[in-house]
């Protein structure tokens, strides 16, 4: 009764609150505020307040799509498209970051510079490649016609953006290179490192020679290593998922359809006067070629070509997911000459692919309404498990998928995805667990730590044993005999090498070798897979007289490019960390 009395006494205040609230809601409705909220973000994203529009993103993606189609002759698979979508986004973000920095430095790209890169006297290699005459000059008429054609408007805009960004990068690169010169000392050291060699002898003591039974590790040692090396056990955000899949592989009907198409092509193939054109016109899965093979060596699959007359075509032959028609061109008593036309059995884009997509979409809808597990059980679908880590596109159980990672990186626990189209299947995902980034608990990595600590102790014991052998023997041969090993030799080992013949990748050992004098024997060297004792038998030092001006200039240019590339990659990452980047792709591009 006390609660009811309080509510009755507060009725007046509650009524005023409700009246005020309805007034506010009415006012917001008049200003179309709810429409704005429902619409969500208006731009694809922004970098330091400068927006990235959906239009320019689509233009960039269209450019990549057309380039891919021209280069491969195929349309993009869903996963390839996802990769280019990410590349288009990265391009636009990087161009904003570079533009901001260029503005700070006073570096600009004018419209005329972009025009010159397309229609100027010395156009960009992309333009030259597509509009060159046989004599190497630019076909100005064709270029002008292409640039003025209305249907090329969007592509031209994309190319202009590409040219502008490329010119920006050239100017920035020139600016950076001017401040990152390569010294003569660096050039000489590079030349010496790549032109100095040595003949060496060594004895190798593998760490595996010490068995696990000879090593003991305590709990305190494991915890001490963990406490001192926690940076080694930092984990990224990770995701555990459940998913169901809807296969996109061809059906029996798809196979029958492809058989019918090939049967219809049989007579046309037989009467074709130009087989190469026939292959192109009817889109053979295999390239046109003429094979001449001994009759007794022809593979079983192609045996039917022996039973038809010259100029005739075999019946349709199936091998897995591909169908073949073989046309006999010539034959002798020993050989047969023929060409092979083929078609892959593919799923019908409407009857099969769209139907599977609709089924997947239907499952996703009801899974969100009635529960993922319940809907999977109702449809008798197998629920599978997967695991993924942020920053890595590999999803266990599925494989590489940028699309899935894009969904996971913005999802919450329990969220169910819309159907995601992969190359061979549609998948619907439920996020079962998200583990935040941080340091992995000791108990979870204890097994890894035990392996590391055990291996470290094994190395220490082997190195200690080798040092004892060195103290008891005067030369390399004596050390080898005492240990039951062989002295191995390598001639002309390069100073720039990272591997040693007969020993594998051992950069630390190579470095130690070139720190010795002629005839000098080393102490115990802790390598990657073994401990070593080495002797420098003979050193062949580089002769700087071979460092001509041409070689010097080539090395200078190479080192500049290496420096510039390394700096640019690091610099862009740093700019991204410092920038305010809004990414609205998850809201605007969903579905």
Protein backbone atom coordinates (compact mmCIF):
# COMPACT_ATOMS: atom_id res chain seq x y z
CA UNK A 1 0.00 0.00 0.00
CA UNK A 2 2.88 2.38 0.66
CA UNK A 3 4.01 2.27 -2.94
CA UNK A 4 0.50 2.91 -4.27
CA UNK A 5 0.08 5.92 -1.93
CA UNK A 6 3.35 7.42 -3.20
CA UNK A 7 2.23 6.97 -6.82
CA UNK A 8 -1.16 8.65 -6.12
CA UNK A 9 0.58 11.60 -4.45
CA UNK A 10 2.99 11.91 -7.42
CA UNK A 11 0.24 11.76 -10.10
CA UNK A 12 0.35 15.50 -10.77
CA UNK A 13 4.11 15.58 -11.30
CA UNK A 14 3.96 12.50 -13.53
CA UNK A 15 1.26 14.08 -15.72
CA UNK A 16 3.37 17.23 -16.21
CA UNK A 17 6.40 15.13 -17.15
CA UNK A 18 4.34 13.19 -19.71
CA UNK A 19 2.89 16.41 -21.18
CA UNK A 20 6.37 17.92 -21.50
CA UNK A 21 7.75 14.71 -23.04
CA UNK A 22 4.99 14.54 -25.67
CA UNK A 23 5.64 18.17 -26.50
CA UNK A 24 9.32 17.52 -27.08
CA UNK A 25 8.52 14.48 -29.23
CA UNK A 26 6.03 16.51 -31.28
CA UNK A 27 8.62 19.23 -31.85
CA UNK A 28 11.28 16.71 -32.92
CA UNK A 29 8.82 15.11 -35.34
CA UNK A 30 8.13 18.53 -36.92
CA UNK A 31 11.86 19.06 -37.49
CA UNK A 32 12.28 15.63 -39.17
CA UNK A 33 14.77 14.70 -36.48
CA UNK A 34 13.63 11.06 -36.48
CA UNK A 35 14.12 10.81 -40.24
CA UNK A 36 17.68 12.02 -39.80
CA UNK A 37 18.30 9.52 -37.01
CA UNK A 38 16.88 6.67 -39.07
CA UNK A 39 18.98 7.63 -42.05
CA UNK A 40 22.16 7.23 -39.99
CA UNK A 41 25.48 8.66 -41.13
CA UNK A 42 25.43 10.61 -44.40
CA UNK A 43 29.05 9.94 -45.38
CA UNK A 44 31.09 6.77 -45.60
CA UNK A 45 33.55 8.18 -43.08
CA UNK A 46 35.92 11.01 -42.38
CA UNK A 47 39.58 11.71 -41.69
CA UNK A 48 40.31 14.61 -39.34
CA UNK A 49 36.86 16.03 -40.13
CA UNK A 50 37.17 15.74 -43.92
CA UNK A 51 34.43 13.47 -45.22
CA UNK A 52 34.80 10.49 -47.53
CA UNK A 53 31.73 10.24 -49.73
CA UNK A 54 30.05 7.06 -50.86
CA UNK A 55 30.33 8.32 -54.45
CA UNK A 56 34.12 8.61 -54.47
CA UNK A 57 34.40 5.23 -52.74
CA UNK A 58 32.19 3.66 -55.41
CA UNK A 59 34.23 5.38 -58.15
CA UNK A 60 37.44 3.96 -56.76
CA UNK A 61 35.91 0.50 -56.40
CA UNK A 62 34.50 0.67 -59.94
CA UNK A 63 37.97 1.50 -61.23
CA UNK A 64 39.42 -1.58 -59.51
CA UNK A 65 36.54 -3.73 -60.76
CA UNK A 66 37.09 -2.68 -64.38
CA UNK A 67 40.84 -3.14 -64.11
CA UNK A 68 40.37 -6.61 -62.66
CA UNK A 69 37.93 -7.58 -65.40
CA UNK A 70 40.23 -6.31 -68.15
CA UNK A 71 43.29 -8.08 -66.73
CA UNK A 72 41.66 -11.43 -65.91
CA UNK A 73 38.63 -11.59 -68.18
CA UNK A 74 36.57 -12.64 -65.15
CA UNK A 75 34.23 -10.95 -62.72
CA UNK A 76 35.30 -10.60 -59.10
CA UNK A 77 34.50 -13.32 -56.62
CA UNK A 78 32.89 -12.09 -53.38
CA UNK A 79 36.16 -12.42 -51.47
CA UNK A 80 38.24 -10.65 -54.15
CA UNK A 81 35.68 -7.85 -54.13
CA UNK A 82 35.96 -7.61 -50.34
CA UNK A 83 39.74 -7.20 -50.66
CA UNK A 84 39.35 -4.41 -53.20
CA UNK A 85 36.70 -2.76 -51.04
CA UNK A 86 39.26 -2.60 -48.23
CA UNK A 87 41.92 -1.35 -50.64
CA UNK A 88 39.60 1.39 -51.93
CA UNK A 89 38.92 2.52 -48.35
CA UNK A 90 42.63 2.47 -47.46
CA UNK A 91 43.42 4.49 -50.58
CA UNK A 92 40.94 7.19 -49.64
CA UNK A 93 42.07 7.34 -46.01
CA UNK A 94 45.74 7.48 -47.00
CA UNK A 95 45.09 10.18 -49.59
CA UNK A 96 43.37 12.32 -46.90
CA UNK A 97 46.26 11.79 -44.50
CA UNK A 98 48.83 12.64 -47.17
CA UNK A 99 46.83 15.64 -48.29
CA UNK A 100 46.73 17.00 -44.73
CA UNK A 101 50.48 16.57 -44.42
CA UNK A 102 51.08 18.07 -47.85
CA UNK A 103 48.98 21.08 -46.89
CA UNK A 104 51.13 21.49 -43.78
CA UNK A 105 54.25 21.32 -45.96
CA UNK A 106 52.85 23.53 -48.72
CA UNK A 107 52.88 20.75 -51.34
CA UNK A 108 49.93 20.85 -53.78
CA UNK A 109 48.77 19.16 -56.99
CA UNK A 110 47.05 21.45 -59.48
CA UNK A 111 44.28 20.45 -61.87
CA UNK A 112 46.63 21.21 -64.76
CA UNK A 113 49.15 18.71 -63.45
CA UNK A 114 46.43 16.04 -63.46
CA UNK A 115 45.39 17.01 -66.99
CA UNK A 116 49.01 16.78 -68.14
CA UNK A 117 49.29 13.28 -66.69
CA UNK A 118 46.35 12.21 -68.88
CA UNK A 119 46.49 14.31 -72.05
CA UNK A 120 49.84 16.11 -71.77
CA UNK A 121 52.92 15.62 -73.97
CA UNK A 122 54.31 12.96 -71.61
CA UNK A 123 51.27 11.16 -70.13
CA UNK A 124 51.28 8.63 -67.31
CA UNK A 125 52.35 5.05 -68.21
CA UNK A 126 48.75 3.90 -67.66
CA UNK A 127 47.56 6.21 -70.45
CA UNK A 128 50.51 5.38 -72.67
CA UNK A 129 49.85 1.67 -72.27
CA UNK A 130 46.26 1.97 -73.47
CA UNK A 131 46.58 4.63 -76.19
CA UNK A 132 49.93 3.95 -77.86
CA UNK A 133 50.33 3.49 -81.61
CA UNK A 134 52.61 0.86 -83.10
CA UNK A 135 55.42 3.42 -83.36
CA UNK A 136 55.16 4.17 -79.62
CA UNK A 137 53.54 7.60 -79.97
CA UNK A 138 50.24 8.49 -78.31
CA UNK A 139 47.04 8.19 -80.36
CA UNK A 140 45.74 11.64 -79.46
CA UNK A 141 42.50 11.27 -81.41
CA UNK A 142 41.57 8.03 -79.66
CA UNK A 143 42.53 9.46 -76.26
CA UNK A 144 40.46 12.60 -76.81
CA UNK A 145 37.45 10.59 -78.03
CA UNK A 146 37.66 8.31 -75.03
CA UNK A 147 37.96 11.21 -72.57
CA UNK A 148 34.93 13.01 -74.09
CA UNK A 149 32.66 9.93 -74.31
CA UNK A 150 29.76 10.27 -71.81
CA UNK A 151 29.89 6.56 -70.92
CA UNK A 152 33.47 7.01 -69.68
CA UNK A 153 32.67 9.86 -67.32
CA UNK A 154 32.80 7.85 -64.09
CA UNK A 155 35.91 5.95 -65.16
CA UNK A 156 37.62 9.22 -66.09
CA UNK A 157 36.82 10.63 -62.66
CA UNK A 158 38.36 7.54 -61.05
CA UNK A 159 41.47 7.84 -63.22
CA UNK A 160 41.80 11.52 -62.38
CA UNK A 161 41.67 10.64 -58.70
CA UNK A 162 44.30 7.97 -59.25
CA UNK A 163 46.53 10.39 -61.14
CA UNK A 164 46.16 13.06 -58.46
CA UNK A 165 47.04 10.61 -55.71
CA UNK A 166 49.97 9.27 -57.71
CA UNK A 167 51.30 12.77 -58.32
CA UNK A 168 50.89 13.54 -54.63
CA UNK A 169 52.91 10.49 -53.74
CA UNK A 170 55.59 11.41 -56.30
CA UNK A 171 55.94 14.90 -54.86
CA UNK A 172 55.95 13.59 -51.31
CA UNK A 173 58.47 10.91 -52.25
CA UNK A 174 60.73 13.52 -53.87
CA UNK A 175 60.44 15.68 -50.78
CA UNK A 176 61.30 12.80 -48.47
CA UNK A 177 64.15 11.56 -50.66
CA UNK A 178 65.67 15.00 -50.64
CA UNK A 179 65.87 14.80 -46.85
CA UNK A 180 66.91 11.11 -46.76
CA UNK A 181 70.05 11.12 -48.82
CA UNK A 182 72.29 8.07 -48.91
CA UNK A 183 75.88 8.65 -47.83
CA UNK A 184 78.97 7.37 -49.63
CA UNK A 185 79.77 5.34 -46.51
CA UNK A 186 76.39 3.54 -46.73
CA UNK A 187 77.00 2.77 -50.40
CA UNK A 188 80.46 1.40 -49.71
CA UNK A 189 79.25 -0.74 -46.81
CA UNK A 190 76.46 -2.12 -48.98
CA UNK A 191 78.98 -2.96 -51.73
CA UNK A 192 81.40 -4.55 -49.26
CA UNK A 193 78.65 -6.62 -47.64
CA UNK A 194 77.53 -8.01 -50.99
CA UNK A 195 81.00 -8.61 -52.44
CA UNK A 196 82.92 -10.05 -49.48
CA UNK A 197 83.24 -13.83 -49.16
CA UNK A 198 84.91 -16.36 -46.89
CA UNK A 199 85.96 -20.00 -46.80
CA UNK A 200 85.01 -21.43 -43.41
CA UNK A 201 85.14 -24.64 -41.41
CA UNK A 202 82.80 -25.40 -38.53
CA UNK A 203 81.50 -28.00 -36.13
CA UNK A 204 77.78 -27.97 -35.40
CA UNK A 205 76.23 -29.09 -32.10
CA UNK A 206 72.43 -29.39 -32.47
CA UNK A 207 70.37 -28.43 -29.43
CA UNK A 208 68.30 -31.57 -30.02
CA UNK A 209 71.29 -33.60 -28.80
CA UNK A 210 70.14 -32.80 -25.26
CA UNK A 211 66.97 -34.79 -24.46
CA UNK A 212 63.94 -33.60 -22.46
CA UNK A 213 64.86 -35.99 -19.64
CA UNK A 214 68.07 -34.01 -19.08
CA UNK A 215 66.18 -30.74 -18.51
CA UNK A 216 64.06 -29.85 -15.47
CA UNK A 217 61.95 -26.71 -15.16
CA UNK A 218 60.29 -25.47 -11.96
CA UNK A 219 57.00 -23.59 -11.57
CA UNK A 220 58.92 -20.58 -10.21
CA UNK A 221 61.08 -20.46 -13.34
CA UNK A 222 57.99 -20.50 -15.53
CA UNK A 223 56.34 -17.66 -13.61
CA UNK A 224 59.55 -15.66 -13.58
CA UNK A 225 59.81 -15.94 -17.36
CA UNK A 226 56.14 -14.98 -17.73
CA UNK A 227 56.51 -11.92 -15.50
CA UNK A 228 59.62 -10.75 -17.37
CA UNK A 229 58.21 -11.35 -20.88
CA UNK A 230 54.55 -10.43 -20.73
CA UNK A 231 54.85 -8.43 -23.95
CA UNK A 232 55.34 -11.76 -25.74
CA UNK A 233 51.89 -12.87 -24.61
CA UNK A 234 49.83 -9.90 -25.67
CA UNK A 235 46.74 -11.09 -27.50
CA UNK A 236 44.61 -9.25 -30.01
CA UNK A 237 40.86 -9.15 -29.86
CA UNK A 238 39.53 -12.57 -30.86
CA UNK A 239 36.18 -14.08 -31.76
CA UNK A 240 34.55 -17.46 -31.35
CA UNK A 241 31.70 -18.06 -33.75
CA UNK A 242 29.03 -20.56 -34.65
CA UNK A 243 27.94 -20.68 -38.26
CA UNK A 244 25.83 -22.55 -40.76
CA UNK A 245 26.66 -22.76 -44.45
CA UNK A 246 24.67 -22.98 -47.65
CA UNK A 247 26.61 -24.63 -50.45
CA UNK A 248 26.93 -22.86 -53.82
CA UNK A 249 28.23 -25.89 -55.69
CA UNK A 250 26.42 -26.85 -58.90
CA UNK A 251 23.34 -29.08 -58.68
CA UNK A 252 22.41 -32.05 -60.85
CA UNK A 253 20.30 -29.64 -62.88
CA UNK A 254 23.34 -27.39 -63.41
CA UNK A 255 25.34 -30.39 -64.64
CA UNK A 256 22.55 -31.43 -67.01
CA UNK A 257 22.30 -27.86 -68.32
CA UNK A 258 26.04 -27.69 -69.05
CA UNK A 259 25.86 -31.08 -70.76
CA UNK A 260 23.07 -29.79 -73.00
CA UNK A 261 25.08 -26.67 -73.89
CA UNK A 262 28.13 -28.75 -74.77
CA UNK A 263 26.05 -31.17 -76.87
CA UNK A 264 24.67 -28.22 -78.83
CA UNK A 265 28.21 -26.93 -79.44
CA UNK A 266 29.49 -30.27 -80.73
CA UNK A 267 28.43 -29.79 -84.35
CA UNK A 268 29.42 -26.09 -84.40
CA UNK A 269 32.89 -27.06 -83.12
CA UNK A 270 33.25 -29.67 -85.85
CA UNK A 271 32.40 -27.19 -88.62
CA UNK A 272 34.32 -24.22 -87.17
CA UNK A 273 36.91 -22.93 -89.61
CA UNK A 274 38.87 -21.05 -86.96
CA UNK A 275 39.09 -23.04 -83.74
CA UNK A 276 40.81 -20.21 -81.85
CA UNK A 277 37.91 -17.86 -82.54
CA UNK A 278 35.49 -20.62 -81.53
CA UNK A 279 37.26 -20.95 -78.16
CA UNK A 280 37.00 -17.21 -77.56
CA UNK A 281 33.41 -16.89 -78.72
CA UNK A 282 32.12 -19.73 -76.55
CA UNK A 283 34.44 -19.01 -73.62
CA UNK A 284 36.42 -22.21 -73.26
CA UNK A 285 37.73 -22.89 -69.75
CA UNK A 286 41.05 -23.98 -71.29
CA UNK A 287 43.08 -21.86 -73.66
CA UNK A 288 43.29 -22.80 -77.31
CA UNK A 289 46.24 -25.03 -78.14
CA UNK A 290 47.02 -27.85 -80.55
CA UNK A 291 48.47 -31.05 -79.10
CA UNK A 292 50.34 -33.78 -80.96
CA UNK A 293 50.77 -36.90 -78.84
CA UNK A 294 51.89 -40.46 -79.52
CA UNK A 295 48.82 -42.72 -79.62
CA UNK A 296 50.24 -45.11 -77.07
CA UNK A 297 50.96 -42.23 -74.64
CA UNK A 298 47.61 -40.43 -74.75
CA UNK A 299 45.95 -40.19 -71.34
CA UNK A 300 42.80 -42.21 -70.60
CA UNK A 301 40.61 -39.12 -70.52
CA UNK A 302 41.49 -38.25 -74.12
CA UNK A 303 41.27 -41.80 -75.53
CA UNK A 304 37.91 -41.09 -77.29
CA UNK A 305 39.71 -38.80 -79.78
CA UNK A 306 41.30 -41.92 -81.30
CA UNK A 307 37.87 -43.26 -82.29
CA UNK A 308 36.67 -40.27 -84.38
CA UNK A 309 37.63 -39.26 -87.90
CA UNK A 310 39.77 -36.24 -88.76
CA UNK A 311 37.71 -33.06 -88.40
CA UNK A 312 35.18 -34.77 -86.14
CA UNK A 313 34.48 -33.99 -82.48
CA UNK A 314 34.06 -36.52 -79.65
CA UNK A 315 31.00 -36.86 -77.50
CA UNK A 316 31.05 -34.86 -74.28
CA UNK A 317 33.61 -36.17 -71.77
CA UNK A 318 33.32 -35.39 -68.06
CA UNK A 319 36.22 -35.17 -65.63
CA UNK A 320 35.15 -33.94 -62.20
CA UNK A 321 33.56 -30.52 -62.55
CA UNK A 322 34.68 -29.95 -66.15
CA UNK A 323 33.31 -31.14 -69.51
CA UNK A 324 35.40 -31.62 -72.66
CA UNK A 325 34.98 -31.80 -76.42
CA UNK A 326 38.01 -33.07 -78.39
CA UNK A 327 38.45 -32.24 -82.07
CA UNK A 328 40.79 -34.46 -84.07
CA UNK A 329 42.86 -32.37 -86.50
CA UNK A 330 45.28 -34.92 -87.92
CA UNK A 331 46.57 -38.44 -87.37
CA UNK A 332 49.43 -40.66 -88.50
CA UNK A 333 50.12 -44.29 -87.76
CA UNK A 334 51.86 -43.24 -84.52
CA UNK A 335 50.59 -39.78 -83.52
CA UNK A 336 47.33 -37.90 -83.17
CA UNK A 337 46.85 -34.11 -83.31
CA UNK A 338 43.84 -32.54 -81.60
CA UNK A 339 42.56 -29.57 -79.64
CA UNK A 340 40.52 -29.58 -76.42
CA UNK A 341 37.51 -27.31 -75.76
CA UNK A 342 36.14 -27.33 -72.20
CA UNK A 343 33.49 -25.84 -69.96
CA UNK A 344 33.35 -25.83 -66.18
CA UNK A 345 30.11 -26.99 -64.59
CA UNK A 346 28.96 -23.89 -62.74
CA UNK A 347 25.97 -23.12 -60.58
CA UNK A 348 23.16 -21.26 -62.33
CA UNK A 349 23.18 -17.67 -61.04
CA UNK A 350 19.40 -17.59 -60.63
CA UNK A 351 18.10 -21.13 -60.21
CA UNK A 352 20.92 -22.16 -57.86
CA UNK A 353 22.86 -19.16 -56.47
CA UNK A 354 19.90 -16.84 -55.92
CA UNK A 355 17.87 -19.70 -54.46
CA UNK A 356 20.63 -20.51 -51.97
CA UNK A 357 21.00 -16.81 -51.13
CA UNK A 358 17.28 -16.59 -50.45
CA UNK A 359 17.41 -19.68 -48.24
CA UNK A 360 20.36 -18.21 -46.30
CA UNK A 361 18.55 -14.88 -45.93
CA UNK A 362 15.43 -16.68 -44.74
CA UNK A 363 17.46 -18.57 -42.14
CA UNK A 364 19.14 -15.38 -40.92
CA UNK A 365 15.79 -13.63 -40.47
CA UNK A 366 14.19 -16.42 -38.45
CA UNK A 367 17.41 -17.07 -36.50
CA UNK A 368 17.29 -13.48 -35.29
CA UNK A 369 13.61 -13.86 -34.42
CA UNK A 370 13.54 -17.35 -32.87
CA UNK A 371 17.18 -18.11 -31.99
CA UNK A 372 20.15 -19.33 -34.01
CA UNK A 373 20.33 -22.84 -32.52
CA UNK A 374 16.57 -23.40 -32.62
CA UNK A 375 16.32 -22.38 -36.27
CA UNK A 376 19.30 -24.52 -37.25
CA UNK A 377 17.73 -27.51 -35.50
CA UNK A 378 14.36 -26.86 -37.16
CA UNK A 379 16.03 -26.88 -40.58
CA UNK A 380 18.33 -29.79 -39.71
CA UNK A 381 21.44 -27.66 -40.41
CA UNK A 382 24.84 -28.48 -38.92
CA UNK A 383 26.21 -25.76 -36.64
CA UNK A 384 29.97 -25.47 -36.98
CA UNK A 385 32.48 -23.56 -34.87
CA UNK A 386 35.19 -21.13 -35.91
CA UNK A 387 37.79 -18.85 -34.39
CA UNK A 388 39.35 -15.63 -35.67
CA UNK A 389 41.74 -12.96 -34.45
CA UNK A 390 41.47 -9.27 -35.27
CA UNK A 391 43.97 -8.21 -37.92
CA UNK A 392 44.13 -11.68 -39.48
CA UNK A 393 41.66 -12.60 -42.21
CA UNK A 394 41.96 -16.34 -41.55
CA UNK A 395 38.87 -17.91 -39.94
CA UNK A 396 39.31 -21.48 -38.73
CA UNK A 397 36.94 -23.88 -40.44
CA UNK A 398 36.26 -21.40 -43.25
CA UNK A 399 39.59 -20.01 -44.48
CA UNK A 400 40.53 -16.51 -45.62
CA UNK A 401 37.61 -14.10 -45.53
CA UNK A 402 37.84 -10.33 -45.33
CA UNK A 403 34.02 -10.11 -45.31
CA UNK A 404 33.68 -12.18 -42.15
CA UNK A 405 36.37 -10.17 -40.37
CA UNK A 406 34.69 -6.93 -41.36
CA UNK A 407 31.48 -8.18 -39.74
CA UNK A 408 33.23 -9.48 -36.61
CA UNK A 409 35.20 -6.30 -35.97
CA UNK A 410 31.96 -4.32 -35.50
CA UNK A 411 29.76 -7.06 -34.02
CA UNK A 412 28.73 -7.75 -30.42
CA UNK A 413 28.35 -11.05 -28.59
CA UNK A 414 25.21 -12.87 -29.65
CA UNK A 415 24.83 -10.91 -32.89
CA UNK A 416 23.71 -12.87 -35.95
CA UNK A 417 24.92 -11.79 -39.37
CA UNK A 418 23.09 -11.37 -42.61
CA UNK A 419 24.16 -13.97 -45.19
CA UNK A 420 27.80 -13.48 -46.19
CA UNK A 421 28.65 -14.69 -49.69
CA UNK A 422 31.99 -16.49 -49.97
CA UNK A 423 33.44 -18.10 -53.07
CA UNK A 424 31.92 -21.54 -52.48
CA UNK A 425 29.16 -20.91 -49.96
CA UNK A 426 26.91 -18.51 -48.10
CA UNK A 427 27.40 -18.42 -44.34
CA UNK A 428 25.32 -17.02 -41.50
CA UNK A 429 27.33 -16.36 -38.35
CA UNK A 430 26.51 -16.01 -34.69
CA UNK A 431 29.16 -14.39 -32.50
CA UNK A 432 29.36 -16.66 -29.47
CA UNK A 433 32.27 -14.97 -27.65
CA UNK A 434 34.48 -11.90 -28.00
CA UNK A 435 37.75 -11.85 -26.06
CA UNK A 436 39.18 -8.38 -25.59
CA UNK A 437 42.80 -7.57 -26.34
CA UNK A 438 45.19 -7.90 -23.41
CA UNK A 439 47.77 -10.16 -21.79
CA UNK A 440 46.95 -13.86 -21.86
CA UNK A 441 46.64 -15.41 -18.37
CA UNK A 442 49.58 -17.46 -17.17
CA UNK A 443 47.61 -20.71 -17.05
CA UNK A 444 46.58 -20.36 -20.69
CA UNK A 445 50.15 -19.92 -21.92
CA UNK A 446 51.92 -22.10 -19.38
CA UNK A 447 52.52 -24.84 -21.95
CA UNK A 448 54.09 -22.39 -24.40
CA UNK A 449 56.30 -20.93 -21.67
CA UNK A 450 57.45 -24.35 -20.56
CA UNK A 451 58.57 -25.10 -24.12
CA UNK A 452 60.48 -21.82 -24.36
CA UNK A 453 62.16 -22.15 -20.96
CA UNK A 454 63.06 -25.78 -21.67
CA UNK A 455 64.60 -24.86 -25.03
CA UNK A 456 66.54 -21.99 -23.46
CA UNK A 457 67.96 -24.33 -20.82
CA UNK A 458 68.80 -26.84 -23.55
CA UNK A 459 70.70 -24.15 -25.47
CA UNK A 460 72.59 -23.09 -22.34
CA UNK A 461 73.60 -26.66 -21.61
CA UNK A 462 74.80 -27.28 -25.18
CA UNK A 463 76.79 -24.03 -25.23
CA UNK A 464 78.33 -24.90 -21.85
CA UNK A 465 79.31 -28.37 -23.13
CA UNK A 466 80.90 -26.83 -26.23
CA UNK A 467 82.88 -24.35 -24.14
CA UNK A 468 84.23 -27.28 -22.08
CA UNK A 469 85.28 -29.05 -25.30
CA UNK A 470 87.07 -25.91 -26.50
CA UNK A 471 88.97 -25.72 -23.22
CA UNK A 472 90.08 -29.34 -23.52
CA UNK A 473 91.10 -29.36 -27.21
CA UNK A 474 93.49 -27.18 -29.17
CA UNK A 475 91.89 -27.13 -32.63
CA UNK A 476 88.67 -27.65 -34.54
CA UNK A 477 89.53 -31.21 -35.54
CA UNK A 478 90.21 -32.18 -31.92
CA UNK A 479 86.89 -30.66 -30.81
CA UNK A 480 85.04 -32.61 -33.52
CA UNK A 481 86.72 -35.92 -32.64
CA UNK A 482 86.07 -35.47 -28.93
CA UNK A 483 82.37 -34.85 -29.60
CA UNK A 484 81.98 -37.52 -32.29
CA UNK A 485 81.21 -34.85 -34.88
CA UNK A 486 82.55 -33.92 -38.31
CA UNK A 487 84.29 -30.76 -39.41
CA UNK A 488 82.19 -29.22 -42.20
CA UNK A 489 83.45 -26.69 -44.74
CA UNK A 490 81.79 -24.03 -46.88
CA UNK A 491 83.51 -22.12 -49.65
CA UNK A 492 82.69 -18.57 -50.74
CA UNK A 493 80.15 -17.84 -48.01
CA UNK A 494 78.79 -14.36 -48.71
CA UNK A 495 78.90 -11.76 -45.96
CA UNK A 496 75.33 -10.81 -46.90
CA UNK A 497 74.10 -14.42 -46.55
CA UNK A 498 71.67 -15.53 -43.85
CA UNK A 499 72.01 -19.27 -44.41
CA UNK A 500 74.96 -21.65 -44.23
CA UNK A 501 75.08 -24.70 -46.46
CA UNK A 502 74.56 -27.80 -44.33
CA UNK A 503 73.41 -25.76 -41.31
CA UNK A 504 70.33 -23.81 -42.42
CA UNK A 505 69.39 -20.25 -41.56
CA UNK A 506 71.98 -18.90 -39.11
CA UNK A 507 72.39 -15.11 -39.52
CA UNK A 508 74.00 -14.70 -36.08
CA UNK A 509 76.66 -17.29 -36.93
CA UNK A 510 77.37 -15.62 -40.29
CA UNK A 511 77.87 -12.32 -38.50
CA UNK A 512 80.29 -13.94 -36.05
CA UNK A 513 82.28 -15.52 -38.89
CA UNK A 514 83.00 -12.17 -40.52
CA UNK A 515 84.10 -10.76 -37.18
CA UNK A 516 87.09 -13.17 -37.12
CA UNK A 517 90.56 -12.71 -38.54
CA UNK A 518 92.07 -15.08 -41.10
CA UNK A 519 92.77 -18.44 -39.43
CA UNK A 520 91.03 -17.45 -36.18
CA UNK A 521 88.78 -19.95 -34.38
CA UNK A 522 85.69 -18.76 -32.54
CA UNK A 523 84.39 -19.49 -29.07
CA UNK A 524 80.99 -21.22 -28.75
CA UNK A 525 78.39 -19.38 -30.83
CA UNK A 526 74.70 -19.74 -29.93
CA UNK A 527 72.91 -20.15 -33.25
CA UNK A 528 69.28 -20.68 -34.16
CA UNK A 529 69.15 -24.48 -34.18
CA UNK A 530 72.59 -25.39 -32.83
CA UNK A 531 75.77 -24.13 -31.18
CA UNK A 532 78.80 -23.68 -33.44
CA UNK A 533 82.55 -23.48 -33.33
CA UNK A 534 83.83 -21.90 -36.56
CA UNK A 535 87.19 -21.13 -38.11
CA UNK A 536 87.72 -18.47 -40.76
CA UNK A 537 90.02 -20.23 -43.25
CA UNK A 538 90.32 -17.43 -45.79
CA UNK A 539 88.69 -14.04 -46.27
CA UNK A 540 88.10 -12.49 -49.71
CA UNK A 541 87.42 -8.83 -49.06
CA UNK A 542 85.60 -6.68 -51.58
CA UNK A 543 87.76 -4.45 -53.75
CA UNK A 544 86.37 -0.93 -53.77
CA UNK A 545 88.00 -0.38 -57.16
CA UNK A 546 85.03 -2.32 -58.54
CA UNK A 547 82.66 0.30 -57.16
CA UNK A 548 82.35 2.32 -60.37
CA UNK A 549 80.26 5.46 -60.66
CA UNK A 550 77.47 3.49 -62.40
CA UNK A 551 77.43 0.84 -59.68
CA UNK A 552 77.54 3.55 -57.01
CA UNK A 553 74.55 5.34 -58.56
CA UNK A 554 72.57 2.09 -58.85
CA UNK A 555 73.20 1.25 -55.21
CA UNK A 556 72.32 4.81 -54.14
CA UNK A 557 68.98 4.60 -55.95
CA UNK A 558 68.23 1.17 -54.47
CA UNK A 559 69.01 2.28 -50.92
CA UNK A 560 66.93 5.42 -51.38
CA UNK A 561 63.94 3.37 -52.48
CA UNK A 562 64.35 1.00 -49.53
CA UNK A 563 64.60 3.89 -47.08
CA UNK A 564 61.66 5.69 -48.64
CA UNK A 565 59.42 2.63 -48.66
CA UNK A 566 60.23 1.72 -45.06
CA UNK A 567 59.71 5.31 -43.94
CA UNK A 568 56.42 5.73 -45.84
CA UNK A 569 54.93 2.53 -44.40
CA UNK A 570 55.86 3.52 -40.86
CA UNK A 571 54.85 7.12 -41.41
CA UNK A 572 51.38 6.26 -42.76
CA UNK A 573 50.76 3.97 -39.77
CA UNK A 574 51.82 6.76 -37.43
CA UNK A 575 49.56 9.28 -39.18
CA UNK A 576 46.64 6.86 -38.81
CA UNK A 577 47.29 6.48 -35.08
CA UNK A 578 47.34 10.26 -34.63
CA UNK A 579 44.34 10.93 -36.90
CA UNK A 580 40.65 11.07 -36.02
CA UNK A 581 39.22 8.49 -38.44
CA UNK A 582 35.48 7.74 -38.54
CA UNK A 583 34.50 4.58 -40.40
CA UNK A 584 30.77 4.30 -41.18
CA UNK A 585 31.04 1.47 -43.68
CA UNK A 586 29.34 -1.00 -41.38
CA UNK A 587 26.18 1.16 -41.34
CA UNK A 588 26.11 2.44 -44.91
CA UNK A 589 27.25 -0.67 -46.78
CA UNK A 590 25.37 -3.36 -44.87
CA UNK A 591 23.04 -5.50 -46.89
